[in-house]
Every structure is written in C-alpha cells, then in structure tokens.
Amino acid sequence: METKPAVSTLAALAHDVRLTVYRMLVEAGDDGMAAGEISDRIGMHKATLSNHLKILLAAGVVDQERRSRSLIYRARPERVVALSRLLVEG
C-alpha cells in the first residue's frame, strides 16, 4: 500500500462513529447491513450517518450495493489488512 491511500484509510477510521460502523460491517460479513439498520443500531440520524458512510466509501474501506430500496454496505477488510502490513512491516 502506498502512503497516500494509507493516510486516507487512517483518516477514515480515525473517528469513533466511523470505526464503530466499520467494525459492525466486519461482523456482518458478506451479507452487509442496510444503512437504516446501521442508523438504528448506533442511534444516529440517517443524514449524519450518510456523511460518515461517504467518507468510508471514499477511503475504500467499505462498498455499497443497492438492493431494492435499500443501500447495503459491506466492509472491505483487505484495505485495512494492507494498512496493517504497511505499519508493521514497512
């Protein structure tokens, strides 16, 4: 992983809400979670959550899929694994 994507990944996860959402999505696995479900679980207004999800998407640590009327979000742990390798192995 190059330095610029590493900084983007770190910045995206360096917020308590975004880190919480990312960890929830990791636990959800391949099924992912709908934005509404995430919002309900963390008790955050959907518009505010949407801003956090956009940051996670831009950093490449989550992806989204439209399923009917819902947006489903999934973690992309390979990006965080690559970051971990960069930090530990150089």
C-alpha atoms as a PDB file:
ATOM      1  CA  MET A   1       0.000   0.000   0.000  1.00  0.00           C
ATOM      2  CA  GLU A   2       1.274   3.439  -0.928  1.00  0.00           C
ATOM      3  CA  THR A   3       1.442   6.305   1.566  1.00  0.00           C
ATOM      4  CA  LYS A   4      -1.469   8.351   0.185  1.00  0.00           C
ATOM      5  CA  PRO A   5      -4.053   5.517   0.363  1.00  0.00           C
ATOM      6  CA  ALA A   6      -2.718   4.608   3.808  1.00  0.00           C
ATOM      7  CA  VAL A   7      -3.309   8.141   5.067  1.00  0.00           C
ATOM      8  CA  SER A   8      -6.812   8.114   3.559  1.00  0.00           C
ATOM      9  CA  THR A   9      -7.607   4.827   5.288  1.00  0.00           C
ATOM     10  CA  LEU A  10      -6.273   6.023   8.627  1.00  0.00           C
ATOM     11  CA  ALA A  11      -8.199   9.295   8.367  1.00  0.00           C
ATOM     12  CA  ALA A  12     -11.440   7.497   7.537  1.00  0.00           C
ATOM     13  CA  LEU A  13     -11.156   5.204  10.551  1.00  0.00           C
ATOM     14  CA  ALA A  14      -9.879   7.903  12.926  1.00  0.00           C
ATOM     15  CA  HIS A  15     -13.377   8.811  14.109  1.00  0.00           C
ATOM     16  CA  ASP A  16     -15.320   6.901  16.741  1.00  0.00           C
ATOM     17  CA  VAL A  17     -18.527   6.663  14.676  1.00  0.00           C
ATOM     18  CA  ARG A  18     -16.773   5.517  11.513  1.00  0.00           C
ATOM     19  CA  LEU A  19     -14.668   2.976  13.384  1.00  0.00           C
ATOM     20  CA  THR A  20     -17.807   1.642  15.092  1.00  0.00           C
ATOM     21  CA  VAL A  21     -19.638   1.375  11.759  1.00  0.00           C
ATOM     22  CA  TYR A  22     -16.661  -0.331  10.114  1.00  0.00           C
ATOM     23  CA  ARG A  23     -16.439  -2.898  12.923  1.00  0.00           C
ATOM     24  CA  MET A  24     -20.195  -3.553  12.678  1.00  0.00           C
ATOM     25  CA  LEU A  25     -19.821  -4.187   8.963  1.00  0.00           C
ATOM     26  CA  VAL A  26     -16.903  -6.552   9.522  1.00  0.00           C
ATOM     27  CA  GLU A  27     -19.081  -8.527  11.947  1.00  0.00           C
ATOM     28  CA  ALA A  28     -21.971  -8.535   9.439  1.00  0.00           C
ATOM     29  CA  GLY A  29     -19.748 -10.283   6.910  1.00  0.00           C
ATOM     30  CA  ASP A  30     -20.737 -10.757   3.278  1.00  0.00           C
ATOM     31  CA  ASP A  31     -24.405 -10.023   3.978  1.00  0.00           C
ATOM     32  CA  GLY A  32     -23.539  -6.459   4.946  1.00  0.00           C
ATOM     33  CA  MET A  33     -26.045  -4.120   6.545  1.00  0.00           C
ATOM     34  CA  ALA A  34     -28.601  -1.644   5.278  1.00  0.00           C
ATOM     35  CA  ALA A  35     -27.952   1.996   6.088  1.00  0.00           C
ATOM     36  CA  GLY A  36     -31.229   2.148   8.021  1.00  0.00           C
ATOM     37  CA  GLU A  37     -30.204  -0.776  10.216  1.00  0.00           C
ATOM     38  CA  ILE A  38     -26.833   0.820  10.935  1.00  0.00           C
ATOM     39  CA  SER A  39     -28.574   4.085  11.787  1.00  0.00           C
ATOM     40  CA  ASP A  40     -30.967   2.335  14.172  1.00  0.00           C
ATOM     41  CA  ARG A  41     -28.216   0.368  15.894  1.00  0.00           C
ATOM     42  CA  ILE A  42     -25.994   3.334  16.621  1.00  0.00           C
ATOM     43  CA  GLY A  43     -28.837   5.780  17.212  1.00  0.00           C
ATOM     44  CA  MET A  44     -27.761   8.303  14.611  1.00  0.00           C
ATOM     45  CA  HIS A  45     -29.848  10.321  12.178  1.00  0.00           C
ATOM     46  CA  LYS A  46     -29.628   8.842   8.674  1.00  0.00           C
ATOM     47  CA  ALA A  47     -28.335  12.061   7.093  1.00  0.00           C
ATOM     48  CA  THR A  48     -25.457  12.269   9.574  1.00  0.00           C
ATOM     49  CA  LEU A  49     -24.645   8.593   9.090  1.00  0.00           C
ATOM     50  CA  SER A  50     -24.690   9.101   5.329  1.00  0.00           C
ATOM     51  CA  ASN A  51     -21.833  11.597   5.616  1.00  0.00           C
ATOM     52  CA  HIS A  52     -19.751   9.107   7.601  1.00  0.00           C
ATOM     53  CA  LEU A  53     -20.502   6.324   5.104  1.00  0.00           C
ATOM     54  CA  LYS A  54     -19.392   8.558   2.217  1.00  0.00           C
ATOM     55  CA  ILE A  55     -16.021   9.037   3.909  1.00  0.00           C
ATOM     56  CA  LEU A  56     -15.634   5.280   4.420  1.00  0.00           C
ATOM     57  CA  LEU A  57     -16.589   4.679   0.779  1.00  0.00           C
ATOM     58  CA  ALA A  58     -14.122   7.274  -0.499  1.00  0.00           C
ATOM     59  CA  ALA A  59     -11.339   5.643   1.515  1.00  0.00           C
ATOM     60  CA  GLY A  60     -12.204   2.255   0.030  1.00  0.00           C
ATOM     61  CA  VAL A  61     -12.821   0.504   3.348  1.00  0.00           C
ATOM     62  CA  VAL A  62     -16.488  -0.208   2.585  1.00  0.00           C
ATOM     63  CA  ASP A  63     -18.532  -0.746  -0.542  1.00  0.00           C
ATOM     64  CA  GLN A  64     -22.222  -0.359  -1.225  1.00  0.00           C
ATOM     65  CA  GLU A  65     -24.851  -2.124  -3.269  1.00  0.00           C
ATOM     66  CA  ARG A  66     -28.397  -1.066  -3.989  1.00  0.00           C
ATOM     67  CA  ARG A  67     -30.826  -3.805  -3.066  1.00  0.00           C
ATOM     68  CA  SER A  68     -34.357  -2.770  -3.951  1.00  0.00           C
ATOM     69  CA  ARG A  69     -34.898   0.457  -1.990  1.00  0.00           C
ATOM     70  CA  SER A  70     -32.008  -0.067   0.426  1.00  0.00           C
ATOM     71  CA  LEU A  71     -28.309   0.650   0.241  1.00  0.00           C
ATOM     72  CA  ILE A  72     -26.350  -2.286   1.639  1.00  0.00           C
ATOM     73  CA  TYR A  73     -22.867  -1.605   2.982  1.00  0.00           C
ATOM     74  CA  ARG A  74     -20.067  -4.155   3.398  1.00  0.00           C
ATOM     75  CA  ALA A  75     -16.618  -3.887   4.917  1.00  0.00           C
ATOM     76  CA  ARG A  76     -13.605  -4.311   2.647  1.00  0.00           C
ATOM     77  CA  PRO A  77     -11.120  -5.632   5.204  1.00  0.00           C
ATOM     78  CA  GLU A  78      -8.371  -6.202   2.636  1.00  0.00           C
ATOM     79  CA  ARG A  79      -7.671  -2.459   2.685  1.00  0.00           C
ATOM     80  CA  VAL A  80      -7.197  -2.447   6.462  1.00  0.00           C
ATOM     81  CA  VAL A  81      -5.098  -5.619   6.282  1.00  0.00           C
ATOM     82  CA  ALA A  82      -2.828  -3.914   3.733  1.00  0.00           C
ATOM     83  CA  LEU A  83      -2.570  -0.891   6.030  1.00  0.00           C
ATOM     84  CA  SER A  84      -1.629  -3.142   8.953  1.00  0.00           C
ATOM     85  CA  ARG A  85       1.116  -4.744   6.883  1.00  0.00           C
ATOM     86  CA  LEU A  86       2.472  -1.351   5.900  1.00  0.00           C
ATOM     87  CA  LEU A  87       2.555  -0.205   9.520  1.00  0.00           C
ATOM     88  CA  VAL A  88       4.156  -3.378  10.854  1.00  0.00           C
ATOM     89  CA  GLU A  89       6.403  -4.469   8.009  1.00  0.00           C
ATOM     90  CA  GLY A  90       7.187  -1.129   6.392  1.00  0.00           C
END
